[in-house]
Each structure stands twice: as structure tokens, then as C-alpha cells.
PDB file of N, CA and C in Angstrom:
ATOM      1  N   MET A   1     104.334 114.974 104.187  1.00  0.00           N
ATOM      2  CA  MET A   1     103.751 113.913 103.393  1.00  0.00           C
ATOM      3  C   MET A   1     103.710 114.395 101.940  1.00  0.00           C
ATOM      4  N   ALA A   2     104.096 113.517 101.051  1.00  0.00           N
ATOM      5  CA  ALA A   2     104.096 113.850  99.623  1.00  0.00           C
ATOM      6  C   ALA A   2     102.659 114.132  99.162  1.00  0.00           C
ATOM      7  N   PRO A   3     102.507 115.005  98.195  1.00  0.00           N
ATOM      8  CA  PRO A   3     101.158 115.363  97.734  1.00  0.00           C
ATOM      9  C   PRO A   3     100.325 114.170  97.266  1.00  0.00           C
ATOM     10  N   ASP A   4     100.949 113.212  96.569  1.00  0.00           N
ATOM     11  CA  ASP A   4     100.175 112.057  96.099  1.00  0.00           C
ATOM     12  C   ASP A   4      99.721 111.187  97.257  1.00  0.00           C
ATOM     13  N   VAL A   5     100.543 111.067  98.289  1.00  0.00           N
ATOM     14  CA  VAL A   5     100.162 110.291  99.481  1.00  0.00           C
ATOM     15  C   VAL A   5      99.050 111.027 100.224  1.00  0.00           C
ATOM     16  N   ALA A   6      99.193 112.331 100.382  1.00  0.00           N
ATOM     17  CA  ALA A   6      98.159 113.130 101.049  1.00  0.00           C
ATOM     18  C   ALA A   6      96.827 113.008 100.315  1.00  0.00           C
ATOM     19  N   ALA A   7      96.872 112.972  98.989  1.00  0.00           N
ATOM     20  CA  ALA A   7      95.645 112.835  98.207  1.00  0.00           C
ATOM     21  C   ALA A   7      94.974 111.491  98.468  1.00  0.00           C
ATOM     22  N   ARG A   8      95.755 110.433  98.594  1.00  0.00           N
ATOM     23  CA  ARG A   8      95.173 109.112  98.880  1.00  0.00           C
ATOM     24  C   ARG A   8      94.560 109.074 100.276  1.00  0.00           C
ATOM     25  N   PHE A   9      95.221 109.711 101.249  1.00  0.00           N
ATOM     26  CA  PHE A   9      94.655 109.791 102.595  1.00  0.00           C
ATOM     27  C   PHE A   9      93.342 110.580 102.579  1.00  0.00           C
ATOM     28  N   ALA A  10      93.315 111.687 101.847  1.00  0.00           N
ATOM     29  CA  ALA A  10      92.091 112.493 101.754  1.00  0.00           C
ATOM     30  C   ALA A  10      90.968 111.701 101.091  1.00  0.00           C
ATOM     31  N   ALA A  11      91.296 110.949 100.060  1.00  0.00           N
ATOM     32  CA  ALA A  11      90.284 110.130  99.378  1.00  0.00           C
ATOM     33  C   ALA A  11      89.743 109.056 100.322  1.00  0.00           C
ATOM     34  N   ALA A  12      90.623 108.425 101.095  1.00  0.00           N
ATOM     35  CA  ALA A  12      90.182 107.407 102.051  1.00  0.00           C
ATOM     36  C   ALA A  12      89.285 108.016 103.121  1.00  0.00           C
ATOM     37  N   LYS A  13      89.639 109.208 103.593  1.00  0.00           N
ATOM     38  CA  LYS A  13      88.827 109.886 104.604  1.00  0.00           C
ATOM     39  C   LYS A  13      87.447 110.217 104.045  1.00  0.00           C
ATOM     40  N   ALA A  14      87.410 110.703 102.817  1.00  0.00           N
ATOM     41  CA  ALA A  14      86.130 111.030 102.184  1.00  0.00           C
ATOM     42  C   ALA A  14      85.286 109.777 101.988  1.00  0.00           C
ATOM     43  N   LEU A  15      85.910 108.701 101.591  1.00  0.00           N
ATOM     44  CA  LEU A  15      85.185 107.443 101.394  1.00  0.00           C
ATOM     45  C   LEU A  15      84.613 106.933 102.710  1.00  0.00           C
ATOM     46  N   ALA A  16      85.406 107.051 103.774  1.00  0.00           N
ATOM     47  CA  ALA A  16      84.943 106.586 105.084  1.00  0.00           C
ATOM     48  C   ALA A  16      83.734 107.375 105.565  1.00  0.00           C
ATOM     49  N   ALA A  17      83.582 108.593 105.082  1.00  0.00           N
ATOM     50  CA  ALA A  17      82.475 109.437 105.506  1.00  0.00           C
ATOM     51  C   ALA A  17      81.201 109.191 104.702  1.00  0.00           C
ATOM     52  N   THR A  18      81.273 108.389 103.649  1.00  0.00           N
ATOM     53  CA  THR A  18      80.078 108.132 102.839  1.00  0.00           C
ATOM     54  C   THR A  18      79.253 107.016 103.460  1.00  0.00           C
ATOM     55  N   PRO A  19      77.953 107.071 103.275  1.00  0.00           N
ATOM     56  CA  PRO A  19      77.106 106.004 103.822  1.00  0.00           C
ATOM     57  C   PRO A  19      77.438 104.664 103.168  1.00  0.00           C
ATOM     58  N   PRO A  20      77.342 103.580 103.934  1.00  0.00           N
ATOM     59  CA  PRO A  20      77.651 102.265 103.357  1.00  0.00           C
ATOM     60  C   PRO A  20      76.682 101.910 102.233  1.00  0.00           C
ATOM     61  N   GLY A  21      77.232 101.211 101.256  1.00  0.00           N
ATOM     62  CA  GLY A  21      76.423 100.705 100.158  1.00  0.00           C
ATOM     63  C   GLY A  21      76.338  99.196 100.276  1.00  0.00           C
ATOM     64  N   ASP A  22      76.609  98.519  99.182  1.00  0.00           N
ATOM     65  CA  ASP A  22      76.523  97.058  99.179  1.00  0.00           C
ATOM     66  C   ASP A  22      77.889  96.401  99.362  1.00  0.00           C
ATOM     67  N   GLU A  23      78.869  97.146  99.907  1.00  0.00           N
ATOM     68  CA  GLU A  23      80.224  96.624 100.042  1.00  0.00           C
ATOM     69  C   GLU A  23      80.283  95.341 100.868  1.00  0.00           C
ATOM     70  N   ALA A  24      79.568  95.316 101.989  1.00  0.00           N
ATOM     71  CA  ALA A  24      79.606  94.138 102.859  1.00  0.00           C
ATOM     72  C   ALA A  24      79.040  92.916 102.143  1.00  0.00           C
ATOM     73  N   GLU A  25      77.968  93.116 101.397  1.00  0.00           N
ATOM     74  CA  GLU A  25      77.367  92.012 100.644  1.00  0.00           C
ATOM     75  C   GLU A  25      78.321  91.520  99.559  1.00  0.00           C
ATOM     76  N   ARG A  26      78.957  92.453  98.871  1.00  0.00           N
ATOM     77  CA  ARG A  26      79.916  92.077  97.826  1.00  0.00           C
ATOM     78  C   ARG A  26      81.100  91.331  98.429  1.00  0.00           C
ATOM     79  N   ARG A  27      81.557  91.769  99.606  1.00  0.00           N
ATOM     80  CA  ARG A  27      82.664  91.077 100.266  1.00  0.00           C
ATOM     81  C   ARG A  27      82.257  89.649 100.623  1.00  0.00           C
ATOM     82  N   GLU A  28      81.059  89.474 101.118  1.00  0.00           N
ATOM     83  CA  GLU A  28      80.597  88.135 101.490  1.00  0.00           C
ATOM     84  C   GLU A  28      80.481  87.235 100.270  1.00  0.00           C
ATOM     85  N   ARG A  29      80.037  87.779  99.136  1.00  0.00           N
ATOM     86  CA  ARG A  29      79.970  86.973  97.904  1.00  0.00           C
ATOM     87  C   ARG A  29      81.374  86.576  97.453  1.00  0.00           C
ATOM     88  N   PHE A  30      82.301  87.516  97.519  1.00  0.00           N
ATOM     89  CA  PHE A  30      83.689  87.219  97.152  1.00  0.00           C
ATOM     90  C   PHE A  30      84.267  86.156  98.087  1.00  0.00           C
ATOM     91  N   THR A  31      84.039  86.317  99.381  1.00  0.00           N
ATOM     92  CA  THR A  31      84.541  85.360 100.370  1.00  0.00           C
ATOM     93  C   THR A  31      83.980  83.965 100.104  1.00  0.00           C
ATOM     94  N   ALA A  32      82.704  83.885  99.800  1.00  0.00           N
ATOM     95  CA  ALA A  32      82.085  82.587  99.521  1.00  0.00           C
ATOM     96  C   ALA A  32      82.662  81.966  98.252  1.00  0.00           C
ATOM     97  N   ARG A  33      82.883  82.777  97.240  1.00  0.00           N
ATOM     98  CA  ARG A  33      83.445  82.257  95.972  1.00  0.00           C
ATOM     99  C   ARG A  33      84.851  81.719  96.187  1.00  0.00           C
ATOM    100  N   VAL A  34      85.671  82.467  96.914  1.00  0.00           N
ATOM    101  CA  VAL A  34      87.041  82.012  97.181  1.00  0.00           C
ATOM    102  C   VAL A  34      87.020  80.754  98.047  1.00  0.00           C
ATOM    103  N   ALA A  35      86.118  80.693  99.012  1.00  0.00           N
ATOM    104  CA  ALA A  35      86.006  79.491  99.855  1.00  0.00           C
ATOM    105  C   ALA A  35      85.695  78.263  99.001  1.00  0.00           C
ATOM    106  N   THR A  36      84.854  78.438  97.990  1.00  0.00           N
ATOM    107  CA  THR A  36      84.546  77.341  97.070  1.00  0.00           C
ATOM    108  C   THR A  36      85.794  76.904  96.313  1.00  0.00           C
ATOM    109  N   LEU A  37      86.576  77.879  95.861  1.00  0.00           N
ATOM    110  CA  LEU A  37      87.804  77.559  95.124  1.00  0.00           C
ATOM    111  C   LEU A  37      88.830  76.834  95.993  1.00  0.00           C
ATOM    112  N   LEU A  38      88.838  77.144  97.281  1.00  0.00           N
ATOM    113  CA  LEU A  38      89.843  76.578  98.182  1.00  0.00           C
ATOM    114  C   LEU A  38      89.316  75.397  98.993  1.00  0.00           C
ATOM    115  N   ALA A  39      88.186  74.873  98.588  1.00  0.00           N
ATOM    116  CA  ALA A  39      87.621  73.714  99.281  1.00  0.00           C
ATOM    117  C   ALA A  39      88.571  72.526  99.181  1.00  0.00           C
ATOM    118  N   ASP A  40      88.457  71.625 100.110  1.00  0.00           N
ATOM    119  CA  ASP A  40      89.246  70.391 100.118  1.00  0.00           C
ATOM    120  C   ASP A  40      90.747  70.637 100.191  1.00  0.00           C
ATOM    121  N   GLY A  41      91.149  71.757 100.812  1.00  0.00           N
ATOM    122  CA  GLY A  41      92.564  72.001 101.035  1.00  0.00           C
ATOM    123  C   GLY A  41      93.326  72.604  99.875  1.00  0.00           C
ATOM    124  N   ALA A  42      92.637  73.042  98.850  1.00  0.00           N
ATOM    125  CA  ALA A  42      93.323  73.677  97.722  1.00  0.00           C
ATOM    126  C   ALA A  42      94.014  74.958  98.193  1.00  0.00           C
ATOM    127  N   VAL A  43      95.045  75.351  97.478  1.00  0.00           N
ATOM    128  CA  VAL A  43      95.786  76.576  97.777  1.00  0.00           C
ATOM    129  C   VAL A  43      95.863  77.406  96.501  1.00  0.00           C
ATOM    130  N   LEU A  44      95.600  78.689  96.638  1.00  0.00           N
ATOM    131  CA  LEU A  44      95.697  79.609  95.516  1.00  0.00           C
ATOM    132  C   LEU A  44      97.125  80.145  95.450  1.00  0.00           C
ATOM    133  N   CYS A  45      97.738  80.027  94.290  1.00  0.00           N
ATOM    134  CA  CYS A  45      99.092  80.545  94.066  1.00  0.00           C
ATOM    135  C   CYS A  45      98.986  81.703  93.086  1.00  0.00           C
ATOM    136  N   LEU A  46      99.581  82.817  93.440  1.00  0.00           N
ATOM    137  CA  LEU A  46      99.558  83.974  92.567  1.00  0.00           C
ATOM    138  C   LEU A  46     100.791  84.829  92.802  1.00  0.00           C
ATOM    139  N   PRO A  47     101.152  85.639  91.842  1.00  0.00           N
ATOM    140  CA  PRO A  47     102.319  86.505  92.061  1.00  0.00           C
ATOM    141  C   PRO A  47     102.021  87.489  93.189  1.00  0.00           C
ATOM    142  N   THR A  48     103.042  87.817  93.957  1.00  0.00           N
ATOM    143  CA  THR A  48     102.867  88.773  95.041  1.00  0.00           C
ATOM    144  C   THR A  48     102.702  90.188  94.514  1.00  0.00           C
ATOM    145  N   ALA A  49     103.348  90.485  93.426  1.00  0.00           N
ATOM    146  CA  ALA A  49     103.266  91.813  92.812  1.00  0.00           C
ATOM    147  C   ALA A  49     103.093  91.638  91.308  1.00  0.00           C
ATOM    148  N   PRO A  50     102.582  92.675  90.639  1.00  0.00           N
ATOM    149  CA  PRO A  50     102.326  92.543  89.200  1.00  0.00           C
ATOM    150  C   PRO A  50     103.584  92.520  88.343  1.00  0.00           C
ATOM    151  N   SER A  51     104.697  92.960  88.902  1.00  0.00           N
ATOM    152  CA  SER A  51     105.960  92.972  88.166  1.00  0.00           C
ATOM    153  C   SER A  51     107.085  93.173  89.172  1.00  0.00           C
ATOM    154  N   ILE A  52     108.291  93.268  88.668  1.00  0.00           N
ATOM    155  CA  ILE A  52     109.392  93.588  89.566  1.00  0.00           C
ATOM    156  C   ILE A  52     109.203  95.023  90.061  1.00  0.00           C
ATOM    157  N   ALA A  53     110.051  95.441  90.981  1.00  0.00           N
ATOM    158  CA  ALA A  53     109.935  96.789  91.541  1.00  0.00           C
ATOM    159  C   ALA A  53     109.913  97.828  90.425  1.00  0.00           C
ATOM    160  N   PRO A  54     109.016  98.788  90.540  1.00  0.00           N
ATOM    161  CA  PRO A  54     108.925  99.804  89.492  1.00  0.00           C
ATOM    162  C   PRO A  54     110.098 100.788  89.581  1.00  0.00           C
ATOM    163  N   PRO A  55     110.384 101.466  88.483  1.00  0.00           N
ATOM    164  CA  PRO A  55     111.479 102.449  88.511  1.00  0.00           C
ATOM    165  C   PRO A  55     111.127 103.640  89.403  1.00  0.00           C
ATOM    166  N   VAL A  56     112.123 104.190  90.047  1.00  0.00           N
ATOM    167  CA  VAL A  56     111.873 105.308  90.959  1.00  0.00           C
ATOM    168  C   VAL A  56     111.466 106.576  90.219  1.00  0.00           C
ATOM    169  N   ASP A  57     111.756 106.658  88.936  1.00  0.00           N
ATOM    170  CA  ASP A  57     111.455 107.870  88.186  1.00  0.00           C
ATOM    171  C   ASP A  57     110.156 107.783  87.383  1.00  0.00           C
ATOM    172  N   MET A  58     109.275 106.844  87.722  1.00  0.00           N
ATOM    173  CA  MET A  58     108.032 106.738  86.962  1.00  0.00           C
ATOM    174  C   MET A  58     107.135 107.938  87.260  1.00  0.00           C
ATOM    175  N   THR A  59     106.235 108.190  86.351  1.00  0.00           N
ATOM    176  CA  THR A  59     105.312 109.311  86.516  1.00  0.00           C
ATOM    177  C   THR A  59     104.256 108.960  87.565  1.00  0.00           C
ATOM    178  N   ALA A  60     103.548 109.967  88.017  1.00  0.00           N
ATOM    179  CA  ALA A  60     102.484 109.744  88.997  1.00  0.00           C
ATOM    180  C   ALA A  60     101.411 108.814  88.432  1.00  0.00           C
ATOM    181  N   ASP A  61     101.075 108.982  87.145  1.00  0.00           N
ATOM    182  CA  ASP A  61     100.078 108.104  86.520  1.00  0.00           C
ATOM    183  C   ASP A  61     100.568 106.661  86.469  1.00  0.00           C
ATOM    184  N   GLU A  62     101.843 106.470  86.130  1.00  0.00           N
ATOM    185  CA  GLU A  62     102.414 105.122  86.104  1.00  0.00           C
ATOM    186  C   GLU A  62     102.412 104.511  87.503  1.00  0.00           C
ATOM    187  N   ALA A  63     102.748 105.322  88.494  1.00  0.00           N
ATOM    188  CA  ALA A  63     102.749 104.831  89.874  1.00  0.00           C
ATOM    189  C   ALA A  63     101.354 104.410  90.302  1.00  0.00           C
ATOM    190  N   GLN A  64     100.338 105.195  89.921  1.00  0.00           N
ATOM    191  CA  GLN A  64      98.966 104.845  90.280  1.00  0.00           C
ATOM    192  C   GLN A  64      98.541 103.553  89.590  1.00  0.00           C
ATOM    193  N   ARG A  65      98.893 103.383  88.332  1.00  0.00           N
ATOM    194  CA  ARG A  65      98.557 102.131  87.636  1.00  0.00           C
ATOM    195  C   ARG A  65      99.242 100.943  88.315  1.00  0.00           C
ATOM    196  N   PHE A  66     100.506 101.120  88.719  1.00  0.00           N
ATOM    197  CA  PHE A  66     101.200 100.038  89.413  1.00  0.00           C
ATOM    198  C   PHE A  66     100.505  99.719  90.730  1.00  0.00           C
ATOM    199  N   ARG A  67     100.151 100.751  91.509  1.00  0.00           N
ATOM    200  CA  ARG A  67      99.464 100.535  92.788  1.00  0.00           C
ATOM    201  C   ARG A  67      98.144  99.807  92.578  1.00  0.00           C
ATOM    202  N   ASP A  68      97.391 100.214  91.566  1.00  0.00           N
ATOM    203  CA  ASP A  68      96.110  99.556  91.289  1.00  0.00           C
ATOM    204  C   ASP A  68      96.317  98.071  90.983  1.00  0.00           C
ATOM    205  N   ARG A  69      97.302  97.773  90.152  1.00  0.00           N
ATOM    206  CA  ARG A  69      97.576  96.374  89.806  1.00  0.00           C
ATOM    207  C   ARG A  69      98.068  95.603  91.026  1.00  0.00           C
ATOM    208  N   ALA A  70      98.925  96.224  91.816  1.00  0.00           N
ATOM    209  CA  ALA A  70      99.455  95.548  93.012  1.00  0.00           C
ATOM    210  C   ALA A  70      98.339  95.274  94.014  1.00  0.00           C
ATOM    211  N   LEU A  71      97.478  96.252  94.236  1.00  0.00           N
ATOM    212  CA  LEU A  71      96.385  96.053  95.186  1.00  0.00           C
ATOM    213  C   LEU A  71      95.433  94.954  94.749  1.00  0.00           C
ATOM    214  N   SER A  72      95.237  94.812  93.433  1.00  0.00           N
ATOM    215  CA  SER A  72      94.340  93.750  92.962  1.00  0.00           C
ATOM    216  C   SER A  72      94.880  92.374  93.330  1.00  0.00           C
ATOM    217  N   LEU A  73      96.199  92.248  93.457  1.00  0.00           N
ATOM    218  CA  LEU A  73      96.797  90.978  93.872  1.00  0.00           C
ATOM    219  C   LEU A  73      96.880  90.859  95.390  1.00  0.00           C
ATOM    220  N   CYS A  74      97.181  91.958  96.042  1.00  0.00           N
ATOM    221  CA  CYS A  74      97.456  91.931  97.482  1.00  0.00           C
ATOM    222  C   CYS A  74      96.210  91.889  98.361  1.00  0.00           C
ATOM    223  N   CYS A  75      95.069  92.267  97.836  1.00  0.00           N
ATOM    224  CA  CYS A  75      93.900  92.403  98.704  1.00  0.00           C
ATOM    225  C   CYS A  75      93.053  91.142  98.816  1.00  0.00           C
ATOM    226  N   ALA A  76      93.257  90.173  97.977  1.00  0.00           N
ATOM    227  CA  ALA A  76      92.351  89.019  97.938  1.00  0.00           C
ATOM    228  C   ALA A  76      92.264  88.292  99.270  1.00  0.00           C
ATOM    229  N   ALA A  77      93.394  87.966  99.868  1.00  0.00           N
ATOM    230  CA  ALA A  77      93.376  87.213 101.125  1.00  0.00           C
ATOM    231  C   ALA A  77      92.738  88.023 102.243  1.00  0.00           C
ATOM    232  N   GLY A  78      93.125  89.275 102.366  1.00  0.00           N
ATOM    233  CA  GLY A  78      92.550  90.109 103.420  1.00  0.00           C
ATOM    234  C   GLY A  78      91.068  90.318 103.234  1.00  0.00           C
ATOM    235  N   LEU A  79      90.653  90.532 102.006  1.00  0.00           N
ATOM    236  CA  LEU A  79      89.240  90.740 101.719  1.00  0.00           C
ATOM    237  C   LEU A  79      88.420  89.496 102.082  1.00  0.00           C
ATOM    238  N   ALA A  80      88.976  88.328 101.803  1.00  0.00           N
ATOM    239  CA  ALA A  80      88.267  87.075 102.093  1.00  0.00           C
ATOM    240  C   ALA A  80      88.586  86.525 103.482  1.00  0.00           C
ATOM    241  N   ARG A  81      89.386  87.277 104.267  1.00  0.00           N
ATOM    242  CA  ARG A  81      89.753  86.886 105.640  1.00  0.00           C
ATOM    243  C   ARG A  81      90.498  85.548 105.663  1.00  0.00           C
ATOM    244  N   LEU A  82      91.472  85.405 104.771  1.00  0.00           N
ATOM    245  CA  LEU A  82      92.202  84.151 104.633  1.00  0.00           C
ATOM    246  C   LEU A  82      93.688  84.333 104.909  1.00  0.00           C
ATOM    247  N   PRO A  83      94.362  83.261 105.309  1.00  0.00           N
ATOM    248  CA  PRO A  83      95.812  83.350 105.522  1.00  0.00           C
ATOM    249  C   PRO A  83      96.564  83.388 104.198  1.00  0.00           C
ATOM    250  N   GLN A  84      97.628  84.165 104.198  1.00  0.00           N
ATOM    251  CA  GLN A  84      98.463  84.302 102.999  1.00  0.00           C
ATOM    252  C   GLN A  84      99.918  84.352 103.447  1.00  0.00           C
ATOM    253  N   VAL A  85     100.766  83.737 102.669  1.00  0.00           N
ATOM    254  CA  VAL A  85     102.207  83.806 102.898  1.00  0.00           C
ATOM    255  C   VAL A  85     102.867  84.076 101.548  1.00  0.00           C
ATOM    256  N   THR A  86     103.959  84.821 101.598  1.00  0.00           N
ATOM    257  CA  THR A  86     104.692  85.136 100.376  1.00  0.00           C
ATOM    258  C   THR A  86     106.096  84.567 100.469  1.00  0.00           C
ATOM    259  N   LEU A  87     106.526  83.926  99.400  1.00  0.00           N
ATOM    260  CA  LEU A  87     107.865  83.347  99.330  1.00  0.00           C
ATOM    261  C   LEU A  87     108.677  84.054  98.262  1.00  0.00           C
ATOM    262  N   PRO A  88     109.913  84.420  98.570  1.00  0.00           N
ATOM    263  CA  PRO A  88     110.787  84.933  97.502  1.00  0.00           C
ATOM    264  C   PRO A  88     111.241  83.750  96.663  1.00  0.00           C
ATOM    265  N   VAL A  89     110.882  83.751  95.400  1.00  0.00           N
ATOM    266  CA  VAL A  89     111.152  82.572  94.577  1.00  0.00           C
ATOM    267  C   VAL A  89     112.224  82.767  93.518  1.00  0.00           C
ATOM    268  N   ALA A  90     112.524  84.004  93.172  1.00  0.00           N
ATOM    269  CA  ALA A  90     113.497  84.248  92.106  1.00  0.00           C
ATOM    270  C   ALA A  90     113.903  85.711  92.126  1.00  0.00           C
ATOM    271  N   LYS A  91     114.805  86.037  91.207  1.00  0.00           N
ATOM    272  CA  LYS A  91     115.175  87.432  90.972  1.00  0.00           C
ATOM    273  C   LYS A  91     115.100  87.683  89.474  1.00  0.00           C
ATOM    274  N   VAL A  92     114.608  88.842  89.131  1.00  0.00           N
ATOM    275  CA  VAL A  92     114.552  89.292  87.745  1.00  0.00           C
ATOM    276  C   VAL A  92     115.185  90.674  87.719  1.00  0.00           C
ATOM    277  N   ALA A  93     116.191  90.831  86.902  1.00  0.00           N
ATOM    278  CA  ALA A  93     116.905  92.104  86.816  1.00  0.00           C
ATOM    279  C   ALA A  93     117.370  92.575  88.190  1.00  0.00           C
ATOM    280  N   GLY A  94     117.760  91.616  89.021  1.00  0.00           N
ATOM    281  CA  GLY A  94     118.256  91.940  90.356  1.00  0.00           C
ATOM    282  C   GLY A  94     117.181  92.236  91.383  1.00  0.00           C
ATOM    283  N   CYS A  95     115.924  92.161  90.984  1.00  0.00           N
ATOM    284  CA  CYS A  95     114.803  92.445  91.888  1.00  0.00           C
ATOM    285  C   CYS A  95     114.124  91.139  92.300  1.00  0.00           C
ATOM    286  N   PRO A  96     113.752  91.020  93.570  1.00  0.00           N
ATOM    287  CA  PRO A  96     113.084  89.786  94.012  1.00  0.00           C
ATOM    288  C   PRO A  96     111.686  89.649  93.421  1.00  0.00           C
ATOM    289  N   VAL A  97     111.319  88.413  93.168  1.00  0.00           N
ATOM    290  CA  VAL A  97     109.982  88.079  92.686  1.00  0.00           C
ATOM    291  C   VAL A  97     109.360  87.159  93.728  1.00  0.00           C
ATOM    292  N   GLY A  98     108.146  87.494  94.150  1.00  0.00           N
ATOM    293  CA  GLY A  98     107.488  86.710  95.184  1.00  0.00           C
ATOM    294  C   GLY A  98     106.316  85.915  94.650  1.00  0.00           C
ATOM    295  N   LEU A  99     106.081  84.785  95.302  1.00  0.00           N
ATOM    296  CA  LEU A  99     104.926  83.940  95.023  1.00  0.00           C
ATOM    297  C   LEU A  99     104.082  83.905  96.286  1.00  0.00           C
ATOM    298  N   SER A 100     102.821  84.270  96.171  1.00  0.00           N
ATOM    299  CA  SER A 100     101.907  84.246  97.301  1.00  0.00           C
ATOM    300  C   SER A 100     101.090  82.967  97.284  1.00  0.00           C
ATOM    301  N   LEU A 101     100.902  82.423  98.461  1.00  0.00           N
ATOM    302  CA  LEU A 101     100.066  81.241  98.653  1.00  0.00           C
ATOM    303  C   LEU A 101      98.930  81.634  99.588  1.00  0.00           C
ATOM    304  N   ILE A 102      97.718  81.330  99.200  1.00  0.00           N
ATOM    305  CA  ILE A 102      96.539  81.649 100.011  1.00  0.00           C
ATOM    306  C   ILE A 102      95.799  80.350 100.281  1.00  0.00           C
ATOM    307  N   ALA A 103      95.484  80.123 101.540  1.00  0.00           N
ATOM    308  CA  ALA A 103      94.771  78.904 101.938  1.00  0.00           C
ATOM    309  C   ALA A 103      93.382  79.271 102.459  1.00  0.00           C
ATOM    310  N   GLY A 104      92.578  78.258 102.648  1.00  0.00           N
ATOM    311  CA  GLY A 104      91.222  78.450 103.137  1.00  0.00           C
ATOM    312  C   GLY A 104      91.169  78.827 104.605  1.00  0.00           C
ATOM    313  N   HIS A 105      89.995  79.223 105.030  1.00  0.00           N
ATOM    314  CA  HIS A 105      89.758  79.642 106.408  1.00  0.00           C
ATOM    315  C   HIS A 105      90.166  78.525 107.382  1.00  0.00           C
ATOM    316  N   GLY A 106      90.941  78.899 108.379  1.00  0.00           N
ATOM    317  CA  GLY A 106      91.365  77.941 109.389  1.00  0.00           C
ATOM    318  C   GLY A 106      92.510  77.040 108.964  1.00  0.00           C
ATOM    319  N   LYS A 107      93.080  77.277 107.806  1.00  0.00           N
ATOM    320  CA  LYS A 107      94.154  76.429 107.275  1.00  0.00           C
ATOM    321  C   LYS A 107      95.533  77.069 107.460  1.00  0.00           C
ATOM    322  N   ASP A 108      95.675  77.928 108.456  1.00  0.00           N
ATOM    323  CA  ASP A 108      96.917  78.660 108.684  1.00  0.00           C
ATOM    324  C   ASP A 108      98.115  77.730 108.867  1.00  0.00           C
ATOM    325  N   ARG A 109      97.990  76.752 109.736  1.00  0.00           N
ATOM    326  CA  ARG A 109      99.121  75.851 110.010  1.00  0.00           C
ATOM    327  C   ARG A 109      99.488  75.030 108.779  1.00  0.00           C
ATOM    328  N   GLN A 110      98.484  74.551 108.054  1.00  0.00           N
ATOM    329  CA  GLN A 110      98.767  73.805 106.839  1.00  0.00           C
ATOM    330  C   GLN A 110      99.488  74.685 105.817  1.00  0.00           C
ATOM    331  N   LEU A 111      99.076  75.942 105.730  1.00  0.00           N
ATOM    332  CA  LEU A 111      99.716  76.863 104.800  1.00  0.00           C
ATOM    333  C   LEU A 111     101.177  77.098 105.194  1.00  0.00           C
ATOM    334  N   LEU A 112     101.431  77.247 106.473  1.00  0.00           N
ATOM    335  CA  LEU A 112     102.813  77.442 106.920  1.00  0.00           C
ATOM    336  C   LEU A 112     103.671  76.205 106.643  1.00  0.00           C
ATOM    337  N   ARG A 113     103.095  75.022 106.834  1.00  0.00           N
ATOM    338  CA  ARG A 113     103.843  73.799 106.512  1.00  0.00           C
ATOM    339  C   ARG A 113     104.159  73.730 105.018  1.00  0.00           C
ATOM    340  N   LEU A 114     103.166  74.041 104.194  1.00  0.00           N
ATOM    341  CA  LEU A 114     103.384  74.054 102.748  1.00  0.00           C
ATOM    342  C   LEU A 114     104.461  75.067 102.384  1.00  0.00           C
ATOM    343  N   ALA A 115     104.391  76.251 102.957  1.00  0.00           N
ATOM    344  CA  ALA A 115     105.378  77.294 102.656  1.00  0.00           C
ATOM    345  C   ALA A 115     106.781  76.842 103.070  1.00  0.00           C
ATOM    346  N   ALA A 116     106.896  76.181 104.196  1.00  0.00           N
ATOM    347  CA  ALA A 116     108.211  75.700 104.644  1.00  0.00           C
ATOM    348  C   ALA A 116     108.755  74.669 103.675  1.00  0.00           C
ATOM    349  N   HIS A 117     107.920  73.737 103.231  1.00  0.00           N
ATOM    350  CA  HIS A 117     108.360  72.726 102.253  1.00  0.00           C
ATOM    351  C   HIS A 117     108.724  73.384 100.926  1.00  0.00           C
ATOM    352  N   ALA A 118     107.921  74.343 100.503  1.00  0.00           N
ATOM    353  CA  ALA A 118     108.200  75.043  99.240  1.00  0.00           C
ATOM    354  C   ALA A 118     109.501  75.831  99.324  1.00  0.00           C
ATOM    355  N   ALA A 119     109.750  76.456 100.456  1.00  0.00           N
ATOM    356  CA  ALA A 119     110.983  77.231 100.624  1.00  0.00           C
ATOM    357  C   ALA A 119     112.205  76.332 100.518  1.00  0.00           C
ATOM    358  N   VAL A 120     112.128  75.147 101.091  1.00  0.00           N
ATOM    359  CA  VAL A 120     113.252  74.195 100.990  1.00  0.00           C
ATOM    360  C   VAL A 120     113.436  73.775  99.539  1.00  0.00           C
ATOM    361  N   ALA A 121     112.352  73.471  98.843  1.00  0.00           N
ATOM    362  CA  ALA A 121     112.444  73.063  97.448  1.00  0.00           C
ATOM    363  C   ALA A 121     113.000  74.193  96.575  1.00  0.00           C
ATOM    364  N   ILE A 122     112.582  75.406  96.831  1.00  0.00           N
ATOM    365  CA  ILE A 122     113.064  76.548  96.049  1.00  0.00           C
ATOM    366  C   ILE A 122     114.552  76.762  96.304  1.00  0.00           C
ATOM    367  N   ALA A 123     114.968  76.657  97.559  1.00  0.00           N
ATOM    368  CA  ALA A 123     116.367  76.874  97.907  1.00  0.00           C
ATOM    369  C   ALA A 123     117.274  75.824  97.282  1.00  0.00           C
ATOM    370  N   SER A 124     116.765  74.622  97.108  1.00  0.00           N
ATOM    371  CA  SER A 124     117.604  73.552  96.564  1.00  0.00           C
ATOM    372  C   SER A 124     117.529  73.476  95.030  1.00  0.00           C
ATOM    373  N   ALA A 125     116.679  74.287  94.427  1.00  0.00           N
ATOM    374  CA  ALA A 125     116.533  74.247  92.956  1.00  0.00           C
ATOM    375  C   ALA A 125     117.667  74.982  92.259  1.00  0.00           C
TER     376      ALA A 125
END
């Protein structure tokens, strides 16, 4: 395992060993806020990643900044326990660009129908 990956595993292990704080309460507040935003069938659209694929030769600090930015986009649905689907919508510099769609609790089938319609529209554009 690469040293930077091993360090992240060690940090996660150390975090898991700490007594719980207010994380569960904060998650519930976030979940409630997102539920309000997605009321009445609304769908949240956001980029799947903060940019195109990063260069393979970036520094460890650059890689960590990219991971932090990517996680801020990727964790919302899981944190709020919501369905999410990602569609490849374009290419930039030969790299795929994804669009994520997040729906409200219990709206999985509606989200899949929307994604299917969007995929057809994107393919025909």
C-alpha cells in the first residue's frame, strides 16, 4: 500500500477509535436541510467531480486538495441517505465529465426514469 493511502487508513482507524461527538446530530440536520431542498420532487444537479481527471504527476498536497474537493461533492447523497446517479455528459480535454442527480428519499425509481430521459437527450444533442 502506498504511504499516502496507508496514512489515510491509519487516520480513519484513529478516528473510529475516538468517542462520538455531535456527528449524528449534524448528519440529521444536514439530512433534514437536503430533504427540504428536494421537497415536491425536486432534484439536485451537481458536478460529479470538481474537475476533469487530475494529472498523474501531481504532488501529494495537490492530490489531497483534489480528494477533499471531490469528497465534498461525492458525499452529499450518502450522508443524507439519498439516491444518486451520475451521467457522463461531455468530454473536456479527452476526459469524461459527469453530472450527478440526487433525488429525495424514496424517489429512486423517479430518479432512474429522469436519468434515462436525460441520457437519451444528452446522446441526441
